[in-house]
């Protein structure tokens, strides 16, 4: 959390010095920019660390030991219909702390230019699959929310923690008691 806040503050400081208000057009973290600017602008980069620590203290309290990436980096899922209705959106939305960032395998992209909502998880895999082409029944799957789009179903959000934690399920291609219906055109 500290590194990401520092990176965002340093990027803002460097970009504002060079391009002014257009810096707001660059909300994504760019570590290479920081690395390239560090030798010539070490003072700005150091000041950005102080700015980042002050902002995190304001948002999460003075105890650095209690700051957690997941608290700031929450993945939020809105219902496709009810998420557009103000009083239902809060009731039907799902939210969970998540790990990852733009530079990890478990991608959890975020934009830094969002004030108190900075670092919110805004982009990542909602569906994950590992296909076993030799034995499709051993393929692994995860979906971010649950199997059902019905908010009253027990499967509305039952996979949310599995998705966050990287746990996946197998789904057999054919069930043992399944029957197959063959449709043929009339002769």
N, C-alpha and C. Protein backbone atom coordinates (compact mmCIF):
# COMPACT_ATOMS: atom_id res chain seq x y z
N UNK A 1 0.84 -1.19 0.00
CA UNK A 1 0.00 0.00 0.00
C UNK A 1 0.88 1.25 0.00
N UNK A 2 1.91 1.22 0.83
CA UNK A 2 2.81 2.38 0.90
C UNK A 2 3.51 2.60 -0.44
N UNK A 3 4.01 1.51 -1.03
CA UNK A 3 4.71 1.66 -2.30
C UNK A 3 3.78 2.22 -3.37
N UNK A 4 2.56 1.69 -3.47
CA UNK A 4 1.64 2.17 -4.51
C UNK A 4 1.25 3.63 -4.27
N UNK A 5 1.04 4.01 -3.02
CA UNK A 5 0.71 5.41 -2.71
C UNK A 5 1.89 6.33 -3.04
N UNK A 6 3.09 5.88 -2.73
CA UNK A 6 4.29 6.67 -3.04
C UNK A 6 4.48 6.79 -4.54
N UNK A 7 4.32 5.69 -5.26
CA UNK A 7 4.45 5.71 -6.71
C UNK A 7 3.45 6.69 -7.33
N UNK A 8 2.22 6.66 -6.86
CA UNK A 8 1.18 7.57 -7.39
C UNK A 8 1.53 9.03 -7.08
N UNK A 9 1.96 9.31 -5.85
CA UNK A 9 2.29 10.69 -5.48
C UNK A 9 3.51 11.18 -6.25
N UNK A 10 4.51 10.34 -6.43
CA UNK A 10 5.71 10.73 -7.18
C UNK A 10 5.36 10.99 -8.64
N UNK A 11 4.53 10.13 -9.20
CA UNK A 11 4.13 10.32 -10.60
C UNK A 11 3.38 11.64 -10.77
N UNK A 12 2.46 11.92 -9.85
CA UNK A 12 1.72 13.20 -9.92
C UNK A 12 2.69 14.37 -9.83
N UNK A 13 3.61 14.33 -8.87
CA UNK A 13 4.55 15.43 -8.68
C UNK A 13 5.41 15.64 -9.92
N UNK A 14 5.90 14.57 -10.49
CA UNK A 14 6.75 14.68 -11.67
C UNK A 14 5.97 15.16 -12.89
N UNK A 15 4.78 14.61 -13.07
CA UNK A 15 3.99 15.00 -14.24
C UNK A 15 3.47 16.43 -14.13
N UNK A 16 3.01 16.82 -12.95
CA UNK A 16 2.51 18.19 -12.78
C UNK A 16 3.62 19.19 -13.06
N UNK A 17 4.83 18.86 -12.62
CA UNK A 17 5.96 19.77 -12.87
C UNK A 17 6.24 19.91 -14.36
N UNK A 18 5.98 18.86 -15.12
CA UNK A 18 6.31 18.88 -16.54
C UNK A 18 5.14 19.28 -17.44
N UNK A 19 3.93 18.80 -17.12
CA UNK A 19 2.80 19.04 -18.04
C UNK A 19 1.58 19.67 -17.37
N UNK A 20 1.72 20.07 -16.12
CA UNK A 20 0.64 20.78 -15.44
C UNK A 20 -0.61 19.94 -15.25
N UNK A 21 -1.77 20.56 -15.48
CA UNK A 21 -3.05 19.91 -15.22
C UNK A 21 -3.30 18.69 -16.11
N UNK A 22 -2.57 18.57 -17.21
CA UNK A 22 -2.73 17.39 -18.06
C UNK A 22 -2.27 16.12 -17.35
N UNK A 23 -1.60 16.25 -16.23
CA UNK A 23 -1.15 15.08 -15.46
C UNK A 23 -2.32 14.20 -15.05
N UNK A 24 -3.49 14.80 -14.86
CA UNK A 24 -4.68 14.02 -14.48
C UNK A 24 -5.08 13.03 -15.56
N UNK A 25 -4.58 13.20 -16.77
CA UNK A 25 -4.88 12.28 -17.86
C UNK A 25 -4.08 10.98 -17.76
N UNK A 26 -3.21 10.87 -16.77
CA UNK A 26 -2.37 9.68 -16.61
C UNK A 26 -2.62 9.04 -15.24
N UNK A 27 -3.79 8.40 -15.05
CA UNK A 27 -4.13 7.87 -13.73
C UNK A 27 -3.45 6.55 -13.39
N UNK A 28 -2.88 5.85 -14.36
CA UNK A 28 -2.27 4.56 -14.08
C UNK A 28 -0.81 4.72 -13.67
N UNK A 29 -0.38 3.86 -12.77
CA UNK A 29 1.00 3.91 -12.27
C UNK A 29 1.98 3.57 -13.40
N UNK A 30 3.07 4.33 -13.44
CA UNK A 30 4.12 4.11 -14.43
C UNK A 30 5.48 4.09 -13.73
N UNK A 31 5.89 2.90 -13.24
CA UNK A 31 7.14 2.82 -12.49
C UNK A 31 8.37 3.20 -13.31
N UNK A 32 8.34 2.98 -14.61
CA UNK A 32 9.50 3.34 -15.44
C UNK A 32 9.69 4.86 -15.48
N UNK A 33 8.59 5.59 -15.43
CA UNK A 33 8.69 7.06 -15.37
C UNK A 33 9.43 7.46 -14.10
N UNK A 34 9.05 6.84 -13.00
CA UNK A 34 9.70 7.15 -11.72
C UNK A 34 11.18 6.80 -11.76
N UNK A 35 11.51 5.64 -12.29
CA UNK A 35 12.92 5.22 -12.37
C UNK A 35 13.73 6.17 -13.25
N UNK A 36 13.15 6.62 -14.35
CA UNK A 36 13.86 7.53 -15.25
C UNK A 36 14.03 8.91 -14.62
N UNK A 37 13.06 9.35 -13.84
CA UNK A 37 13.10 10.69 -13.26
C UNK A 37 13.89 10.76 -11.96
N UNK A 38 14.08 9.63 -11.32
CA UNK A 38 14.71 9.62 -10.00
C UNK A 38 16.07 10.33 -9.94
N UNK A 39 16.99 10.06 -10.87
CA UNK A 39 18.29 10.73 -10.75
C UNK A 39 18.21 12.26 -10.80
N UNK A 40 17.35 12.80 -11.64
CA UNK A 40 17.28 14.26 -11.80
C UNK A 40 16.32 14.93 -10.82
N UNK A 41 15.39 14.15 -10.25
CA UNK A 41 14.36 14.77 -9.41
C UNK A 41 14.20 14.03 -8.08
N UNK A 42 15.28 13.63 -7.47
CA UNK A 42 15.22 12.88 -6.21
C UNK A 42 14.47 13.65 -5.13
N UNK A 43 14.57 14.97 -5.13
CA UNK A 43 13.89 15.77 -4.11
C UNK A 43 12.37 15.65 -4.25
N UNK A 44 11.86 15.68 -5.46
CA UNK A 44 10.41 15.54 -5.68
C UNK A 44 9.93 14.14 -5.29
N UNK A 45 10.75 13.15 -5.63
CA UNK A 45 10.39 11.77 -5.31
C UNK A 45 10.37 11.57 -3.79
N UNK A 46 11.33 12.13 -3.08
CA UNK A 46 11.37 12.04 -1.62
C UNK A 46 10.18 12.77 -0.99
N UNK A 47 9.86 13.94 -1.51
CA UNK A 47 8.70 14.70 -1.00
C UNK A 47 7.41 13.92 -1.26
N UNK A 48 7.38 13.18 -2.35
CA UNK A 48 6.18 12.39 -2.67
C UNK A 48 5.96 11.30 -1.63
N UNK A 49 7.04 10.74 -1.08
CA UNK A 49 6.88 9.73 -0.04
C UNK A 49 6.22 10.35 1.19
N UNK A 50 6.65 11.54 1.58
CA UNK A 50 6.01 12.23 2.72
C UNK A 50 4.54 12.49 2.43
N UNK A 51 4.23 12.93 1.22
CA UNK A 51 2.83 13.18 0.83
C UNK A 51 2.02 11.89 0.91
N UNK A 52 2.58 10.80 0.39
CA UNK A 52 1.87 9.52 0.41
C UNK A 52 1.62 9.05 1.84
N UNK A 53 2.61 9.15 2.70
CA UNK A 53 2.44 8.72 4.09
C UNK A 53 1.41 9.57 4.82
N UNK A 54 1.40 10.87 4.56
CA UNK A 54 0.39 11.75 5.17
C UNK A 54 -1.00 11.38 4.70
N UNK A 55 -1.15 11.10 3.40
CA UNK A 55 -2.46 10.73 2.87
C UNK A 55 -2.93 9.40 3.46
N UNK A 56 -2.04 8.42 3.53
CA UNK A 56 -2.42 7.13 4.09
C UNK A 56 -2.77 7.25 5.58
N UNK A 57 -2.05 8.09 6.30
CA UNK A 57 -2.37 8.32 7.73
C UNK A 57 -3.75 8.93 7.88
N UNK A 58 -4.09 9.86 7.00
CA UNK A 58 -5.41 10.48 7.04
C UNK A 58 -6.50 9.45 6.74
N UNK A 59 -6.26 8.57 5.78
CA UNK A 59 -7.27 7.61 5.36
C UNK A 59 -7.38 6.39 6.26
N UNK A 60 -6.23 5.89 6.76
CA UNK A 60 -6.23 4.62 7.47
C UNK A 60 -5.76 4.70 8.91
N UNK A 61 -5.48 5.90 9.39
CA UNK A 61 -5.05 6.07 10.77
C UNK A 61 -3.55 6.14 10.89
N UNK A 62 -3.05 6.54 12.07
CA UNK A 62 -1.62 6.78 12.23
C UNK A 62 -0.77 5.51 12.37
N UNK A 63 -1.39 4.36 12.66
CA UNK A 63 -0.63 3.13 12.90
C UNK A 63 -0.32 2.42 11.58
N UNK A 64 0.89 2.61 11.08
CA UNK A 64 1.32 2.03 9.80
C UNK A 64 1.19 0.50 9.80
N UNK A 65 1.38 -0.11 10.95
CA UNK A 65 1.31 -1.57 11.05
C UNK A 65 -0.09 -2.09 10.69
N UNK A 66 -1.10 -1.26 10.84
CA UNK A 66 -2.47 -1.71 10.57
C UNK A 66 -2.90 -1.46 9.13
N UNK A 67 -2.10 -0.77 8.35
CA UNK A 67 -2.46 -0.49 6.96
C UNK A 67 -2.38 -1.78 6.16
N UNK A 68 -3.41 -2.04 5.37
CA UNK A 68 -3.45 -3.26 4.56
C UNK A 68 -3.86 -2.92 3.13
N UNK A 69 -3.19 -3.51 2.18
CA UNK A 69 -3.49 -3.31 0.77
C UNK A 69 -4.95 -3.66 0.48
N UNK A 70 -5.42 -4.79 1.00
CA UNK A 70 -6.78 -5.23 0.72
C UNK A 70 -7.84 -4.24 1.16
N UNK A 71 -7.58 -3.50 2.24
CA UNK A 71 -8.55 -2.52 2.72
C UNK A 71 -8.77 -1.42 1.68
N UNK A 72 -7.71 -1.03 1.00
CA UNK A 72 -7.82 0.01 -0.03
C UNK A 72 -8.15 -0.58 -1.39
N UNK A 73 -7.79 -1.84 -1.60
CA UNK A 73 -7.90 -2.47 -2.92
C UNK A 73 -9.05 -3.48 -2.90
N UNK A 74 -10.27 -2.96 -2.95
CA UNK A 74 -11.47 -3.79 -2.92
C UNK A 74 -12.01 -3.96 -4.33
N UNK A 75 -12.39 -5.18 -4.65
CA UNK A 75 -13.07 -5.46 -5.91
C UNK A 75 -14.57 -5.34 -5.66
N UNK A 76 -15.24 -4.59 -6.50
CA UNK A 76 -16.68 -4.35 -6.35
C UNK A 76 -17.39 -4.84 -7.59
N UNK A 77 -18.47 -5.56 -7.39
CA UNK A 77 -19.25 -6.11 -8.49
C UNK A 77 -20.69 -5.59 -8.37
N UNK A 78 -21.12 -4.90 -9.40
CA UNK A 78 -22.48 -4.37 -9.42
C UNK A 78 -23.40 -5.31 -10.18
N UNK A 79 -24.63 -5.45 -9.70
CA UNK A 79 -25.63 -6.23 -10.42
C UNK A 79 -25.90 -5.50 -11.73
N UNK A 80 -26.00 -6.22 -12.87
CA UNK A 80 -26.16 -5.55 -14.15
C UNK A 80 -27.43 -4.69 -14.26
N UNK A 81 -28.48 -5.04 -13.56
CA UNK A 81 -29.71 -4.24 -13.60
C UNK A 81 -29.87 -3.43 -12.32
N UNK A 82 -29.90 -4.10 -11.18
CA UNK A 82 -30.16 -3.42 -9.91
C UNK A 82 -29.03 -2.48 -9.50
N UNK A 83 -27.85 -2.68 -10.04
CA UNK A 83 -26.72 -1.81 -9.74
C UNK A 83 -26.91 -0.40 -10.29
N UNK A 84 -27.89 -0.21 -11.17
CA UNK A 84 -28.17 1.10 -11.75
C UNK A 84 -29.27 1.85 -10.99
N UNK A 85 -29.85 1.19 -9.99
CA UNK A 85 -30.91 1.80 -9.19
C UNK A 85 -30.32 2.11 -7.82
N UNK A 86 -30.25 3.39 -7.50
CA UNK A 86 -29.51 3.85 -6.32
C UNK A 86 -29.78 3.04 -5.05
N UNK A 87 -31.02 2.90 -4.64
CA UNK A 87 -31.29 2.25 -3.36
C UNK A 87 -31.11 0.74 -3.42
N UNK A 88 -31.12 0.15 -4.61
CA UNK A 88 -30.87 -1.29 -4.74
C UNK A 88 -29.39 -1.61 -4.96
N UNK A 89 -28.66 -0.67 -5.49
CA UNK A 89 -27.25 -0.91 -5.82
C UNK A 89 -26.45 -1.34 -4.60
N UNK A 90 -26.65 -0.67 -3.49
CA UNK A 90 -25.90 -1.01 -2.27
C UNK A 90 -26.29 -2.38 -1.76
N UNK A 91 -27.55 -2.73 -1.86
CA UNK A 91 -28.06 -4.00 -1.35
C UNK A 91 -27.63 -5.17 -2.23
N UNK A 92 -27.54 -4.95 -3.54
CA UNK A 92 -27.24 -6.05 -4.47
C UNK A 92 -25.78 -6.09 -4.90
N UNK A 93 -24.99 -5.10 -4.53
CA UNK A 93 -23.58 -5.09 -4.91
C UNK A 93 -22.76 -6.02 -4.04
N UNK A 94 -21.69 -6.52 -4.61
CA UNK A 94 -20.76 -7.37 -3.87
C UNK A 94 -19.41 -6.68 -3.83
N UNK A 95 -18.71 -6.83 -2.71
CA UNK A 95 -17.41 -6.20 -2.56
C UNK A 95 -16.54 -7.08 -1.68
N UNK A 96 -15.25 -7.18 -2.04
CA UNK A 96 -14.34 -8.02 -1.27
C UNK A 96 -12.93 -7.45 -1.38
N UNK A 97 -12.17 -7.54 -0.30
CA UNK A 97 -10.76 -7.15 -0.36
C UNK A 97 -10.05 -8.07 -1.33
N UNK A 98 -9.12 -7.52 -2.09
CA UNK A 98 -8.40 -8.35 -3.05
C UNK A 98 -6.93 -7.97 -3.10
N UNK A 99 -6.14 -8.91 -3.58
CA UNK A 99 -4.72 -8.63 -3.72
C UNK A 99 -4.42 -8.29 -5.18
N UNK A 100 -3.17 -8.31 -5.54
CA UNK A 100 -2.78 -8.05 -6.92
C UNK A 100 -2.73 -6.56 -7.24
N UNK A 101 -2.08 -6.27 -8.37
CA UNK A 101 -2.04 -4.91 -8.90
C UNK A 101 -1.72 -5.02 -10.38
N UNK A 102 -1.28 -3.95 -11.00
CA UNK A 102 -0.99 -3.99 -12.43
C UNK A 102 0.26 -4.78 -12.76
N UNK A 103 1.06 -5.14 -11.76
CA UNK A 103 2.35 -5.76 -12.00
C UNK A 103 2.47 -7.16 -11.41
N UNK A 104 1.36 -7.82 -11.15
CA UNK A 104 1.38 -9.17 -10.60
C UNK A 104 0.60 -10.11 -11.52
N UNK A 105 0.84 -11.41 -11.34
CA UNK A 105 0.12 -12.40 -12.14
C UNK A 105 -1.36 -12.34 -11.83
N UNK A 106 -1.72 -12.23 -10.56
CA UNK A 106 -3.12 -12.12 -10.16
C UNK A 106 -3.50 -10.64 -10.29
N UNK A 107 -3.72 -10.24 -11.52
CA UNK A 107 -3.91 -8.83 -11.85
C UNK A 107 -5.11 -8.24 -11.12
N UNK A 108 -4.89 -7.10 -10.55
CA UNK A 108 -5.95 -6.34 -9.89
C UNK A 108 -5.72 -4.88 -10.19
N UNK A 109 -6.00 -4.48 -11.42
CA UNK A 109 -5.71 -3.12 -11.85
C UNK A 109 -6.49 -2.08 -11.07
N UNK A 110 -5.92 -0.89 -10.99
CA UNK A 110 -6.55 0.21 -10.26
C UNK A 110 -6.09 1.52 -10.86
N UNK A 111 -6.83 2.57 -10.56
CA UNK A 111 -6.44 3.92 -10.95
C UNK A 111 -6.11 4.68 -9.68
N UNK A 112 -5.08 5.49 -9.73
CA UNK A 112 -4.64 6.18 -8.52
C UNK A 112 -5.28 7.55 -8.34
N UNK A 113 -5.93 8.08 -9.36
CA UNK A 113 -6.45 9.44 -9.30
C UNK A 113 -7.91 9.47 -8.86
N UNK A 114 -8.23 8.82 -7.76
CA UNK A 114 -9.62 8.74 -7.32
C UNK A 114 -9.82 9.22 -5.88
N UNK A 115 -8.91 9.98 -5.32
CA UNK A 115 -9.08 10.51 -3.96
C UNK A 115 -9.19 9.39 -2.93
N UNK A 116 -10.21 9.46 -2.08
CA UNK A 116 -10.36 8.46 -1.03
C UNK A 116 -10.70 7.07 -1.58
N UNK A 117 -11.08 7.02 -2.84
CA UNK A 117 -11.38 5.74 -3.48
C UNK A 117 -10.18 5.22 -4.27
N UNK A 118 -9.02 5.85 -4.10
CA UNK A 118 -7.81 5.43 -4.81
C UNK A 118 -7.49 3.98 -4.47
N UNK A 119 -6.97 3.28 -5.43
CA UNK A 119 -6.52 1.90 -5.32
C UNK A 119 -7.66 0.89 -5.38
N UNK A 120 -8.89 1.34 -5.62
CA UNK A 120 -10.02 0.40 -5.77
C UNK A 120 -9.74 -0.51 -6.96
N UNK A 121 -9.96 -1.80 -6.77
CA UNK A 121 -9.73 -2.81 -7.80
C UNK A 121 -10.77 -2.58 -8.92
N UNK A 122 -10.29 -2.19 -10.10
CA UNK A 122 -11.22 -1.86 -11.19
C UNK A 122 -11.05 -2.75 -12.42
N UNK A 123 -10.02 -3.59 -12.45
CA UNK A 123 -9.82 -4.41 -13.64
C UNK A 123 -9.08 -5.69 -13.30
N UNK A 124 -9.62 -6.81 -13.72
CA UNK A 124 -8.98 -8.10 -13.49
C UNK A 124 -9.85 -9.19 -14.08
N UNK A 125 -9.43 -10.40 -13.93
CA UNK A 125 -10.15 -11.54 -14.50
C UNK A 125 -11.38 -11.84 -13.66
N UNK A 126 -12.55 -11.77 -14.26
CA UNK A 126 -13.78 -12.15 -13.58
C UNK A 126 -14.04 -13.65 -13.72
N UNK A 127 -13.52 -14.23 -14.78
CA UNK A 127 -13.63 -15.67 -15.02
C UNK A 127 -12.24 -16.21 -15.26
N UNK A 128 -11.91 -17.29 -14.58
CA UNK A 128 -10.62 -17.94 -14.77
C UNK A 128 -10.85 -19.40 -15.11
N UNK A 129 -10.05 -19.91 -16.02
CA UNK A 129 -10.16 -21.32 -16.38
C UNK A 129 -8.79 -21.87 -16.73
N UNK A 130 -8.55 -23.10 -16.31
CA UNK A 130 -7.37 -23.85 -16.71
C UNK A 130 -7.91 -25.13 -17.32
N UNK A 131 -7.76 -25.25 -18.63
CA UNK A 131 -8.32 -26.39 -19.34
C UNK A 131 -7.31 -27.52 -19.45
N UNK A 132 -7.74 -28.71 -19.06
CA UNK A 132 -6.93 -29.92 -19.23
C UNK A 132 -7.41 -30.58 -20.52
N UNK A 133 -6.67 -30.41 -21.59
CA UNK A 133 -7.09 -30.93 -22.88
C UNK A 133 -7.01 -32.44 -22.95
N UNK A 134 -6.22 -33.05 -22.09
CA UNK A 134 -6.13 -34.51 -22.05
C UNK A 134 -7.32 -35.11 -21.32
N UNK A 135 -7.82 -34.41 -20.31
CA UNK A 135 -8.95 -34.89 -19.52
C UNK A 135 -9.81 -33.68 -19.13
N UNK A 136 -10.77 -33.31 -19.98
CA UNK A 136 -11.58 -32.10 -19.72
C UNK A 136 -12.26 -32.10 -18.35
N UNK A 137 -12.53 -33.29 -17.79
CA UNK A 137 -13.17 -33.34 -16.48
C UNK A 137 -12.25 -32.83 -15.36
N UNK A 138 -10.97 -32.69 -15.64
CA UNK A 138 -10.02 -32.17 -14.64
C UNK A 138 -9.75 -30.68 -14.84
N UNK A 139 -10.44 -30.05 -15.76
CA UNK A 139 -10.28 -28.60 -15.97
C UNK A 139 -10.74 -27.86 -14.72
N UNK A 140 -10.19 -26.68 -14.49
CA UNK A 140 -10.47 -25.90 -13.29
C UNK A 140 -11.12 -24.57 -13.67
N UNK A 141 -12.06 -24.10 -12.83
CA UNK A 141 -12.80 -22.90 -13.14
C UNK A 141 -13.04 -22.06 -11.89
N UNK A 142 -13.15 -20.77 -12.09
CA UNK A 142 -13.56 -19.84 -11.02
C UNK A 142 -14.27 -18.66 -11.68
N UNK A 143 -15.30 -18.18 -11.03
CA UNK A 143 -16.00 -16.98 -11.48
C UNK A 143 -16.05 -16.03 -10.29
N UNK A 144 -15.99 -14.75 -10.56
CA UNK A 144 -15.81 -13.77 -9.49
C UNK A 144 -16.96 -13.72 -8.49
N UNK A 145 -18.16 -13.92 -8.89
CA UNK A 145 -19.26 -13.72 -7.95
C UNK A 145 -19.88 -15.04 -7.55
N UNK A 146 -20.71 -15.57 -8.37
CA UNK A 146 -21.37 -16.84 -8.12
C UNK A 146 -22.00 -17.30 -9.42
N UNK A 147 -22.60 -18.46 -9.39
CA UNK A 147 -23.13 -19.04 -10.62
C UNK A 147 -24.44 -18.38 -11.04
N UNK A 148 -25.18 -17.81 -10.10
CA UNK A 148 -26.50 -17.27 -10.40
C UNK A 148 -26.49 -15.75 -10.45
N UNK A 149 -27.26 -15.21 -11.37
CA UNK A 149 -27.48 -13.77 -11.42
C UNK A 149 -28.68 -13.36 -10.59
N UNK A 150 -29.31 -14.31 -9.94
CA UNK A 150 -30.48 -14.06 -9.10
C UNK A 150 -30.02 -13.72 -7.69
N UNK A 151 -30.31 -12.51 -7.24
CA UNK A 151 -29.83 -12.08 -5.92
C UNK A 151 -30.44 -12.87 -4.77
N UNK A 152 -31.53 -13.59 -5.00
CA UNK A 152 -32.15 -14.39 -3.95
C UNK A 152 -31.61 -15.82 -3.93
N UNK A 153 -30.78 -16.17 -4.87
CA UNK A 153 -30.22 -17.52 -4.95
C UNK A 153 -29.04 -17.66 -3.99
N UNK A 154 -28.87 -18.85 -3.40
CA UNK A 154 -27.68 -19.07 -2.57
C UNK A 154 -26.40 -19.05 -3.41
N UNK A 155 -26.52 -19.13 -4.72
CA UNK A 155 -25.36 -19.13 -5.61
C UNK A 155 -25.08 -17.74 -6.19
N UNK A 156 -25.73 -16.72 -5.64
CA UNK A 156 -25.51 -15.35 -6.09
C UNK A 156 -24.09 -14.89 -5.82
N UNK A 157 -23.55 -15.23 -4.66
CA UNK A 157 -22.20 -14.75 -4.29
C UNK A 157 -21.32 -15.83 -3.69
N UNK A 158 -21.68 -17.09 -3.91
CA UNK A 158 -20.99 -18.17 -3.20
C UNK A 158 -19.57 -18.47 -3.69
N UNK A 159 -19.13 -17.85 -4.78
CA UNK A 159 -17.78 -18.10 -5.26
C UNK A 159 -16.85 -16.91 -5.08
N UNK A 160 -17.34 -15.86 -4.44
CA UNK A 160 -16.57 -14.63 -4.30
C UNK A 160 -15.24 -14.84 -3.56
N UNK A 161 -15.28 -15.53 -2.42
CA UNK A 161 -14.05 -15.77 -1.66
C UNK A 161 -13.11 -16.72 -2.41
N UNK A 162 -13.68 -17.74 -3.06
CA UNK A 162 -12.84 -18.65 -3.86
C UNK A 162 -12.11 -17.87 -4.95
N UNK A 163 -12.81 -16.97 -5.62
CA UNK A 163 -12.21 -16.16 -6.68
C UNK A 163 -11.05 -15.32 -6.12
N UNK A 164 -11.32 -14.65 -4.99
CA UNK A 164 -10.28 -13.81 -4.39
C UNK A 164 -9.06 -14.62 -3.98
N UNK A 165 -9.29 -15.80 -3.42
CA UNK A 165 -8.21 -16.61 -2.87
C UNK A 165 -7.54 -17.51 -3.91
N UNK A 166 -8.01 -17.47 -5.15
CA UNK A 166 -7.39 -18.28 -6.21
C UNK A 166 -7.78 -19.74 -6.18
N UNK A 167 -8.85 -20.07 -5.47
CA UNK A 167 -9.33 -21.46 -5.43
C UNK A 167 -10.23 -21.69 -6.64
N UNK A 168 -10.08 -22.85 -7.23
CA UNK A 168 -10.86 -23.17 -8.43
C UNK A 168 -11.59 -24.49 -8.24
N UNK A 169 -12.62 -24.72 -9.04
CA UNK A 169 -13.44 -25.93 -8.97
C UNK A 169 -13.35 -26.70 -10.27
N UNK A 170 -13.54 -28.01 -10.18
CA UNK A 170 -13.69 -28.80 -11.39
C UNK A 170 -15.17 -28.89 -11.70
N UNK A 171 -15.48 -28.92 -12.96
CA UNK A 171 -16.87 -29.10 -13.40
C UNK A 171 -16.84 -30.21 -14.43
N UNK A 172 -17.30 -31.41 -14.07
CA UNK A 172 -17.26 -32.52 -15.02
C UNK A 172 -18.02 -32.17 -16.30
N UNK A 173 -17.45 -32.59 -17.41
CA UNK A 173 -18.08 -32.31 -18.69
C UNK A 173 -19.43 -33.03 -18.80
N UNK A 174 -19.53 -34.18 -18.20
CA UNK A 174 -20.78 -34.94 -18.26
C UNK A 174 -20.98 -35.61 -16.90
N UNK A 175 -22.16 -35.51 -16.38
CA UNK A 175 -22.47 -36.14 -15.10
C UNK A 175 -22.75 -37.62 -15.32
N UNK A 176 -22.51 -38.41 -14.28
CA UNK A 176 -22.66 -39.86 -14.39
C UNK A 176 -24.09 -40.26 -14.74
N UNK A 177 -25.08 -39.58 -14.20
CA UNK A 177 -26.47 -39.95 -14.45
C UNK A 177 -27.10 -39.13 -15.58
N UNK A 178 -26.30 -38.44 -16.33
CA UNK A 178 -26.80 -37.58 -17.40
C UNK A 178 -27.25 -38.42 -18.59
N UNK A 179 -28.34 -38.02 -19.19
CA UNK A 179 -28.78 -38.65 -20.43
C UNK A 179 -28.60 -37.65 -21.56
N UNK A 180 -28.45 -38.16 -22.73
CA UNK A 180 -28.24 -37.32 -23.89
C UNK A 180 -29.45 -37.44 -24.80
N UNK A 181 -29.98 -36.33 -25.21
CA UNK A 181 -31.11 -36.28 -26.12
C UNK A 181 -30.58 -35.99 -27.52
N UNK A 182 -30.84 -36.88 -28.44
CA UNK A 182 -30.41 -36.70 -29.82
C UNK A 182 -31.61 -36.23 -30.65
N UNK A 183 -31.47 -35.10 -31.29
CA UNK A 183 -32.52 -34.57 -32.15
C UNK A 183 -32.13 -34.83 -33.61
N UNK A 184 -33.03 -35.43 -34.33
CA UNK A 184 -32.77 -35.71 -35.73
C UNK A 184 -33.92 -35.18 -36.55
N UNK A 185 -33.64 -34.65 -37.73
CA UNK A 185 -34.72 -34.16 -38.58
C UNK A 185 -35.59 -35.32 -39.06
N UNK A 186 -36.87 -35.04 -39.30
CA UNK A 186 -37.75 -36.13 -39.76
C UNK A 186 -37.28 -36.63 -41.14
N UNK A 187 -37.53 -37.91 -41.41
CA UNK A 187 -37.10 -38.47 -42.71
C UNK A 187 -37.81 -37.84 -43.90
